[in-house]
Amino acid sequence: MYRMPSLKKILTVHFVAFVSWLFPVVLWAMGLFLLFTMDLSQQSLLRLFIVIALITLGGLGLIFWRVQVIKAIFEDGIEVSGTLRSVVFFRDRGRVEYVYTYLDQKYASGNAILKTAGTNRLQPGMQVTLLVDRSQPRRAFIRDLYLEERA
């Protein structure tokens, strides 16, 4: 078993997890803004907040799923060495692609990530440590992106 990733790191590095919490927060802020600035009927407000609540539940479900997947791989995955094939950022979001060998088979995988101090250091050709899902070897994560730095 490896050190477990922190929830903070998952939510600030993994693009899908980040959007899954940010989008509902923005919607709630917009809903509250409309509540206090617009003269909407009670029925319209009720519909608006039901939609926002449903989107929030969907976002929470997606966060829970992504966190569970990542933590399960950290708990039971296998550590392998990989090589970064590409690292591309557009504004604050990006994609990292890597290649690695697991059980004598070569795999290519990648993740949608956010630009952080840790992800900004990634360069094509760099060697990284990956954690690979034993049951789905095409699924792998760069170990150090999800771990808190030790003091």
Foldseek 3Di string as FASTA:
>chain_A
DADFFDLVLCCAWAPLLVCLQVVLVVLVVVLVVCVPPPDDDPVVSVVSVVVSVVSNVVSVVSNVVVSVVRRVLRVDFDKWKWFWADWDDDVFKTKTKIWTDDPNDIEIEIGITTDDPVSVPDDGGDIFIWTADPVHRNDIDGVVSRHDDDD
